[in-house]
Amino acid sequence: MIVAEFKRVFDIAPSVTGFTPGRVNLIGEHTDYNGGNVLPTALDLGVTLALAPREDGLIRIWSDKFDGIAERKMTDAASDHWSDYIAGALQLARSEGFGPDGANIAVTTTLPFGAGISSSAAVTVGVIRAAAGLSDNSLTDTDIAVLARRVENEYIGMPCGIMDQMAVAIAKPGQALSLDTKYLEFGLVNLPETHHMAVIHSGVFRQLNEGRYKIRKEECDAVKAALGHDDLCLMTDAEFASLAHLAAPLRRRAKHCMTEHRRTVAATVALQKGEMAAFGVLMNESHISMRDDFEMSVQPVDALVADAQKFGATGARLTGGGFGGCIVACIEKEKLGAWRTALLDAHPDAFWVC
């Protein structure tokens, strides 16, 4: 389909095509920029992209989600436009010596925007991988993920961690990525065939660059300054006790990062062993920590999580950057149909993602 759309829009064939999945984080929120572990899984949903190089410094972008063709220059700064992520990825690829001097790009996506399932990471990873495919290079999946993160940090101005980019660059649907974000060491864990990791949108939309995510990042940075090192998630109990002089909100942020990392390590072991009851308990504890200590949830999300648990989920929690977006719930497959119906009937603003 993407090849046909590309030919229809640009009247030429693309030079390279590719698919990049979205991701949902099973546990480990706001740990990826604080030295901790994360456990995301790739989705069947994602971004499909086709690209042909240009030599005139222009970037022309067609998307199935927007009208018309966006036209950018290779020298354009970010402008709060939907095409920023693509333009930024191409600019970075060019500055690194492997990208073209311009491009025609067609993009289709099955990922809902503002859901916290990494549509931006899928786009940036997809563009960088496509640009790299035009030339002989030895970029690894990790290299591509690191470059994609730089697009968000340096071009978009979003101070995100590395989790999203690593997850969509490496994991395949049905796999969870156990990632140590300090050293970028990782392993793949197969999801159990007995359970489904359901993603439900709360109906509350948000964008990470709207400010609250940045505030949480700055609060974590303040705690790091007090600790004297950047590995907030790896602090000891004694180090946490030494933060008693900090304001209460900062201590709560520190508590979340420390305990969320520990929960993620334990949840990874539980998933590897197929101990889904223990895995679910850790998911539930994670949501409480995000709600009370990191204060990144909102009432509709809390209500959706509570009912997901009440109606039979093994575990459920907010997922993504917070302040809206999706929840993820672990539910036995034999209960999935009835559980889904009951949950969505009780929350008419929510909708099924996958």
Protein backbone atom coordinates (compact mmCIF):
# COMPACT_ATOMS: atom_id res chain seq x y z
CA MET A 1 0.00 0.00 0.00
CA ILE A 2 2.73 2.49 0.91
CA VAL A 3 4.44 2.02 -2.46
CA ALA A 4 1.20 2.69 -4.31
CA GLU A 5 0.51 5.79 -2.22
CA PHE A 6 4.04 7.06 -2.77
CA LYS A 7 3.73 6.63 -6.54
CA ARG A 8 0.32 8.34 -6.52
CA VAL A 9 1.59 11.34 -4.58
CA PHE A 10 5.08 11.80 -6.04
CA ASP A 11 4.77 10.08 -9.43
CA ILE A 12 7.94 8.06 -8.86
CA ALA A 13 8.80 4.84 -7.03
CA PRO A 14 10.36 5.01 -3.54
CA SER A 15 13.95 3.96 -3.02
CA VAL A 16 13.36 2.40 0.39
CA THR A 17 10.38 1.36 2.53
CA GLY A 18 10.01 0.09 6.06
CA PHE A 19 7.74 -0.53 9.04
CA THR A 20 8.48 0.52 12.63
CA PRO A 21 6.21 -0.66 15.45
CA GLY A 22 4.80 1.41 18.24
CA ARG A 23 5.42 0.31 21.80
CA VAL A 24 3.66 0.13 25.12
CA ASN A 25 5.65 0.15 28.32
CA LEU A 26 4.65 -2.69 30.60
CA ILE A 27 6.48 -1.22 33.60
CA GLY A 28 9.31 1.24 34.28
CA GLU A 29 8.04 4.79 33.82
CA HIS A 30 10.31 7.86 33.94
CA THR A 31 13.25 5.59 34.74
CA ASP A 32 14.90 5.78 31.33
CA TYR A 33 16.49 9.19 31.88
CA ASN A 34 17.39 8.36 35.47
CA GLY A 35 19.65 5.33 34.98
CA GLY A 36 17.01 2.66 35.56
CA ASN A 37 15.47 -0.32 33.82
CA VAL A 38 12.38 -0.41 31.58
CA LEU A 39 10.25 -3.20 30.10
CA PRO A 40 8.42 -2.09 26.94
CA THR A 41 6.89 -4.37 24.31
CA ALA A 42 6.43 -3.77 20.59
CA LEU A 43 2.92 -3.52 19.11
CA ASP A 44 1.39 -4.80 15.90
CA LEU A 45 0.45 -1.16 15.22
CA GLY A 46 3.06 1.18 13.82
CA VAL A 47 4.38 3.51 11.14
CA THR A 48 5.02 2.51 7.51
CA LEU A 49 7.30 4.80 5.54
CA ALA A 50 8.57 5.17 1.97
CA LEU A 51 11.38 7.50 0.93
CA ALA A 52 13.15 8.66 -2.21
CA PRO A 53 16.11 11.06 -2.02
CA ARG A 54 16.18 14.56 -3.49
CA GLU A 55 19.19 16.76 -4.21
CA ASP A 56 17.66 20.23 -3.85
CA GLY A 57 17.49 20.60 -0.07
CA LEU A 58 13.71 20.13 0.04
CA ILE A 59 11.74 17.69 2.16
CA ARG A 60 8.25 16.93 0.83
CA ILE A 61 6.10 14.84 3.16
CA TRP A 62 2.73 13.19 2.63
CA SER A 63 0.85 11.58 5.54
CA ASP A 64 -2.41 9.69 5.57
CA LYS A 65 -3.35 11.62 8.73
CA PHE A 66 -3.05 15.16 7.35
CA ASP A 67 -4.21 17.09 4.29
CA GLY A 68 -1.85 18.12 1.52
CA ILE A 69 1.93 17.83 1.32
CA ALA A 70 4.17 19.47 3.90
CA GLU A 71 7.20 21.12 2.34
CA ARG A 72 10.25 21.83 4.47
CA LYS A 73 13.85 22.85 3.85
CA MET A 74 16.78 20.90 5.19
CA THR A 75 17.74 24.03 7.13
CA ASP A 76 14.33 24.63 8.76
CA ALA A 77 14.10 24.73 12.55
CA ALA A 78 11.30 22.99 14.43
CA SER A 79 8.04 24.91 14.05
CA ASP A 80 5.50 22.95 16.14
CA HIS A 81 4.27 21.28 12.95
CA TRP A 82 3.40 17.62 12.51
CA SER A 83 6.30 17.25 10.06
CA ASP A 84 8.95 18.36 12.59
CA TYR A 85 9.95 14.84 13.61
CA ILE A 86 10.55 13.80 10.00
CA ALA A 87 12.42 16.99 9.12
CA GLY A 88 14.55 16.74 12.24
CA ALA A 89 15.42 13.09 11.61
CA LEU A 90 16.50 13.84 8.05
CA GLN A 91 18.57 16.82 9.14
CA LEU A 92 20.36 14.74 11.76
CA ALA A 93 20.98 11.91 9.29
CA ARG A 94 22.47 14.43 6.85
CA SER A 95 24.67 16.00 9.53
CA GLU A 96 25.94 12.52 10.46
CA GLY A 97 27.04 11.95 6.89
CA PHE A 98 24.64 9.30 5.64
CA GLY A 99 21.39 11.13 4.91
CA PRO A 100 20.28 12.62 1.58
CA ASP A 101 20.21 16.32 0.72
CA GLY A 102 16.41 16.20 0.70
CA ALA A 103 13.66 13.64 0.29
CA ASN A 104 10.16 12.78 -0.78
CA ILE A 105 8.51 10.83 2.05
CA ALA A 106 5.15 9.12 2.43
CA VAL A 107 3.97 7.98 5.86
CA THR A 108 1.00 5.93 6.99
CA THR A 109 0.31 5.04 10.60
CA THR A 110 -2.04 2.93 12.66
CA LEU A 111 -0.88 4.58 15.89
CA PRO A 112 -3.25 7.08 17.55
CA PHE A 113 -1.61 10.40 18.37
CA GLY A 114 -1.25 11.47 22.00
CA ALA A 115 -1.66 7.92 23.26
CA GLY A 116 1.80 7.41 24.72
CA ILE A 117 2.63 4.47 22.46
CA SER A 118 5.58 6.08 20.72
CA SER A 119 4.34 7.42 17.41
CA SER A 120 7.16 10.00 17.48
CA ALA A 121 9.84 7.38 18.18
CA ALA A 122 8.47 5.13 15.43
CA VAL A 123 8.67 8.02 12.96
CA THR A 124 12.18 9.15 13.89
CA VAL A 125 13.59 5.61 14.01
CA GLY A 126 11.87 4.81 10.71
CA VAL A 127 13.24 7.87 8.94
CA ILE A 128 16.80 7.38 10.21
CA ARG A 129 16.71 3.69 9.27
CA ALA A 130 15.38 4.55 5.81
CA ALA A 131 18.04 7.23 5.30
CA ALA A 132 20.71 4.79 6.40
CA GLY A 133 19.35 2.28 3.91
CA LEU A 134 20.25 4.61 1.06
CA SER A 135 23.97 4.26 1.75
CA ASP A 136 26.49 1.69 2.88
CA ASN A 137 26.90 2.05 6.63
CA SER A 138 27.22 -0.10 9.72
CA LEU A 139 24.62 1.50 11.98
CA THR A 140 23.30 -0.92 14.60
CA ASP A 141 19.77 -0.81 15.99
CA THR A 142 21.22 0.84 19.09
CA ASP A 143 22.99 3.47 16.96
CA ILE A 144 19.71 4.25 15.22
CA ALA A 145 17.88 4.53 18.55
CA VAL A 146 20.51 6.91 19.96
CA LEU A 147 20.25 9.14 16.89
CA ALA A 148 16.46 9.11 17.06
CA ARG A 149 16.60 10.23 20.68
CA ARG A 150 18.85 13.10 19.66
CA VAL A 151 16.15 14.27 17.25
CA GLU A 152 13.69 14.58 20.13
CA ASN A 153 16.21 16.09 22.56
CA GLU A 154 18.02 18.50 20.24
CA TYR A 155 15.57 19.33 17.45
CA ILE A 156 12.15 18.99 19.08
CA GLY A 157 13.32 20.07 22.53
CA MET A 158 11.71 17.10 24.28
CA PRO A 159 13.94 15.85 27.15
CA CYS A 160 12.96 12.19 26.78
CA GLY A 161 15.00 9.15 27.65
CA ILE A 162 16.09 6.32 25.37
CA MET A 163 13.39 3.73 26.06
CA ASP A 164 10.98 4.45 23.23
CA GLN A 165 13.62 4.55 20.52
CA MET A 166 15.31 1.35 21.71
CA ALA A 167 11.99 -0.47 22.00
CA VAL A 168 10.76 0.33 18.50
CA ALA A 169 14.20 -0.18 16.93
CA ILE A 170 14.81 -3.61 18.46
CA ALA A 171 11.71 -5.41 19.75
CA LYS A 172 9.19 -7.23 17.56
CA PRO A 173 5.50 -7.75 18.38
CA GLY A 174 5.18 -10.47 21.02
CA GLN A 175 8.50 -9.53 22.61
CA ALA A 176 9.30 -7.35 25.60
CA LEU A 177 12.61 -5.49 25.73
CA SER A 178 14.35 -5.70 29.09
CA LEU A 179 16.57 -2.64 28.87
CA ASP A 180 19.19 -1.26 31.24
CA THR A 181 19.10 2.38 30.17
CA LYS A 182 22.38 3.26 31.91
CA TYR A 183 24.50 0.89 29.83
CA LEU A 184 22.05 0.19 26.96
CA GLU A 185 22.32 -3.53 27.66
CA PHE A 186 19.19 -5.46 26.79
CA GLY A 187 17.50 -8.81 26.41
CA LEU A 188 14.29 -9.94 24.73
CA VAL A 189 11.55 -11.74 26.67
CA ASN A 190 8.69 -13.53 24.94
CA LEU A 191 5.25 -12.57 26.20
CA PRO A 192 3.14 -15.40 27.64
CA GLU A 193 0.59 -17.03 25.34
CA THR A 194 -1.92 -17.17 28.20
CA HIS A 195 -2.28 -13.42 28.66
CA HIS A 196 -2.89 -10.35 26.51
CA MET A 197 -1.26 -6.99 27.17
CA ALA A 198 -4.24 -4.75 26.41
CA VAL A 199 -3.82 -1.07 25.57
CA ILE A 200 -6.81 1.19 26.19
CA HIS A 201 -6.84 4.94 25.60
CA SER A 202 -8.36 6.92 28.44
CA GLY A 203 -9.86 9.52 26.12
CA VAL A 204 -7.62 12.18 27.68
CA PHE A 205 -5.17 13.41 25.04
CA ARG A 206 -1.91 15.15 25.78
CA GLN A 207 1.40 15.97 24.15
CA LEU A 208 4.68 15.41 25.94
CA ASN A 209 6.09 18.76 24.83
CA GLU A 210 3.25 20.65 26.51
CA GLY A 211 5.26 21.15 29.69
CA ARG A 212 4.41 18.81 32.55
CA TYR A 213 6.81 16.08 31.41
CA LYS A 214 9.56 18.71 31.29
CA ILE A 215 8.73 19.78 34.84
CA ARG A 216 9.10 16.22 36.10
CA LYS A 217 12.45 15.94 34.31
CA GLU A 218 13.63 19.14 35.98
CA GLU A 219 12.49 17.87 39.38
CA CYS A 220 14.50 14.69 38.84
CA ASP A 221 17.50 16.80 37.88
CA ALA A 222 17.17 18.71 41.16
CA VAL A 223 17.26 15.44 43.09
CA LYS A 224 20.31 14.32 41.11
CA ALA A 225 22.09 17.52 42.08
CA ALA A 226 21.34 16.81 45.74
CA LEU A 227 22.58 13.22 45.40
CA GLY A 228 25.72 14.19 43.54
CA HIS A 229 25.19 11.67 40.73
CA ASP A 230 22.78 11.02 37.85
CA ASP A 231 21.67 7.48 38.67
CA LEU A 232 18.52 8.40 40.52
CA CYS A 233 16.99 4.96 40.06
CA LEU A 234 20.04 3.22 41.49
CA MET A 235 20.21 5.12 44.77
CA THR A 236 20.46 3.10 47.96
CA ASP A 237 18.01 3.28 50.84
CA ALA A 238 20.62 5.27 52.76
CA GLU A 239 20.95 7.76 49.92
CA PHE A 240 17.18 8.15 49.81
CA ALA A 241 17.16 8.83 53.57
CA SER A 242 19.78 11.53 53.01
CA LEU A 243 17.25 13.49 50.92
CA ALA A 244 15.14 14.35 53.98
CA HIS A 245 16.06 18.02 53.62
CA LEU A 246 14.47 18.29 50.17
CA ALA A 247 10.94 19.53 49.59
CA ALA A 248 8.31 16.78 49.88
CA PRO A 249 7.47 16.71 46.13
CA LEU A 250 11.11 16.12 45.25
CA ARG A 251 11.38 13.30 47.78
CA ARG A 252 8.29 11.71 46.25
CA ARG A 253 9.80 11.93 42.76
CA ALA A 254 12.95 10.26 44.07
CA LYS A 255 10.95 7.53 45.80
CA HIS A 256 9.11 6.72 42.59
CA CYS A 257 12.27 6.45 40.51
CA MET A 258 14.04 4.23 43.05
CA THR A 259 11.10 1.89 43.65
CA GLU A 260 9.97 1.81 40.01
CA HIS A 261 13.39 0.58 38.94
CA ARG A 262 13.25 -2.16 41.56
CA ARG A 263 9.73 -3.13 40.49
CA THR A 264 10.84 -3.31 36.87
CA VAL A 265 13.73 -5.65 37.68
CA ALA A 266 11.36 -7.88 39.67
CA ALA A 267 8.68 -7.76 36.96
CA THR A 268 11.18 -8.83 34.32
CA VAL A 269 12.09 -11.89 36.37
CA ALA A 270 8.41 -12.67 36.94
CA LEU A 271 7.68 -12.41 33.21
CA GLN A 272 10.62 -14.66 32.35
CA LYS A 273 9.32 -17.26 34.81
CA GLY A 274 5.69 -16.92 33.70
CA GLU A 275 4.64 -15.80 37.17
CA MET A 276 1.84 -13.56 35.96
CA ALA A 277 0.13 -13.02 39.32
CA ALA A 278 3.35 -11.53 40.70
CA PHE A 279 3.78 -9.53 37.50
CA GLY A 280 0.28 -8.09 37.91
CA VAL A 281 0.89 -7.05 41.51
CA LEU A 282 3.96 -5.11 40.41
CA MET A 283 1.96 -3.38 37.66
CA ASN A 284 -0.65 -2.32 40.21
CA GLU A 285 2.01 -1.04 42.60
CA SER A 286 3.59 0.88 39.74
CA HIS A 287 0.36 2.75 39.08
CA ILE A 288 0.02 3.73 42.73
CA SER A 289 3.56 5.10 42.65
CA MET A 290 2.92 7.07 39.45
CA ARG A 291 -0.31 8.43 40.88
CA ASP A 292 0.89 9.35 44.37
CA ASP A 293 4.66 9.83 44.19
CA PHE A 294 5.36 11.00 40.66
CA GLU A 295 1.93 12.66 40.37
CA MET A 296 1.67 12.01 36.64
CA SER A 297 -1.82 10.56 36.44
CA VAL A 298 -5.25 12.17 36.07
CA GLN A 299 -8.64 11.13 37.45
CA PRO A 300 -10.06 9.51 34.30
CA VAL A 301 -6.94 7.36 34.01
CA ASP A 302 -7.09 6.38 37.68
CA ALA A 303 -10.74 5.37 37.29
CA LEU A 304 -9.96 3.35 34.17
CA VAL A 305 -7.11 1.52 35.92
CA ALA A 306 -9.26 0.81 38.98
CA ASP A 307 -12.05 -0.69 36.88
CA ALA A 308 -9.60 -2.66 34.75
CA GLN A 309 -8.40 -4.29 37.94
CA LYS A 310 -11.92 -4.69 39.38
CA PHE A 311 -13.23 -6.37 36.23
CA GLY A 312 -10.50 -9.00 36.31
CA ALA A 313 -7.16 -7.77 34.97
CA THR A 314 -4.12 -9.48 36.46
CA GLY A 315 -2.57 -6.01 36.64
CA ALA A 316 -3.15 -2.55 35.18
CA ARG A 317 -1.36 0.78 35.14
CA LEU A 318 -0.92 4.08 33.37
CA THR A 319 1.66 3.82 30.60
CA GLY A 320 3.70 6.45 28.78
CA GLY A 321 4.73 9.94 29.81
CA GLY A 322 1.60 10.53 31.85
CA PHE A 323 -1.11 13.18 32.27
CA GLY A 324 -3.50 11.22 30.03
CA GLY A 325 -3.02 8.77 27.20
CA CYS A 326 -3.25 5.00 27.63
CA ILE A 327 -3.31 2.35 30.27
CA VAL A 328 -1.85 -1.12 29.82
CA ALA A 329 -3.53 -4.12 31.42
CA CYS A 330 -2.46 -7.75 31.66
CA ILE A 331 -5.54 -9.91 31.19
CA GLU A 332 -6.02 -13.63 30.72
CA LYS A 333 -6.97 -14.27 27.10
CA GLU A 334 -9.98 -16.39 28.03
CA LYS A 335 -11.41 -13.41 29.95
CA LEU A 336 -10.48 -10.77 27.37
CA GLY A 337 -13.79 -10.38 25.50
CA ALA A 338 -16.05 -9.95 28.51
CA TRP A 339 -13.50 -7.82 30.32
CA ARG A 340 -13.09 -5.47 27.36
CA THR A 341 -16.85 -5.02 26.99
CA ALA A 342 -17.38 -4.31 30.68
CA LEU A 343 -14.51 -1.82 30.84
CA LEU A 344 -15.47 0.17 27.75
CA ASP A 345 -19.16 0.18 28.74
CA ALA A 346 -18.16 1.74 32.06
CA HIS A 347 -15.91 4.33 30.38
CA PRO A 348 -17.58 5.69 27.23
CA ASP A 349 -14.77 8.19 26.54
CA ALA A 350 -12.16 5.44 26.51
CA PHE A 351 -11.39 3.39 23.43
CA TRP A 352 -9.61 0.16 22.52
CA VAL A 353 -6.17 0.49 20.92
CA CYS A 354 -4.93 -3.10 20.76
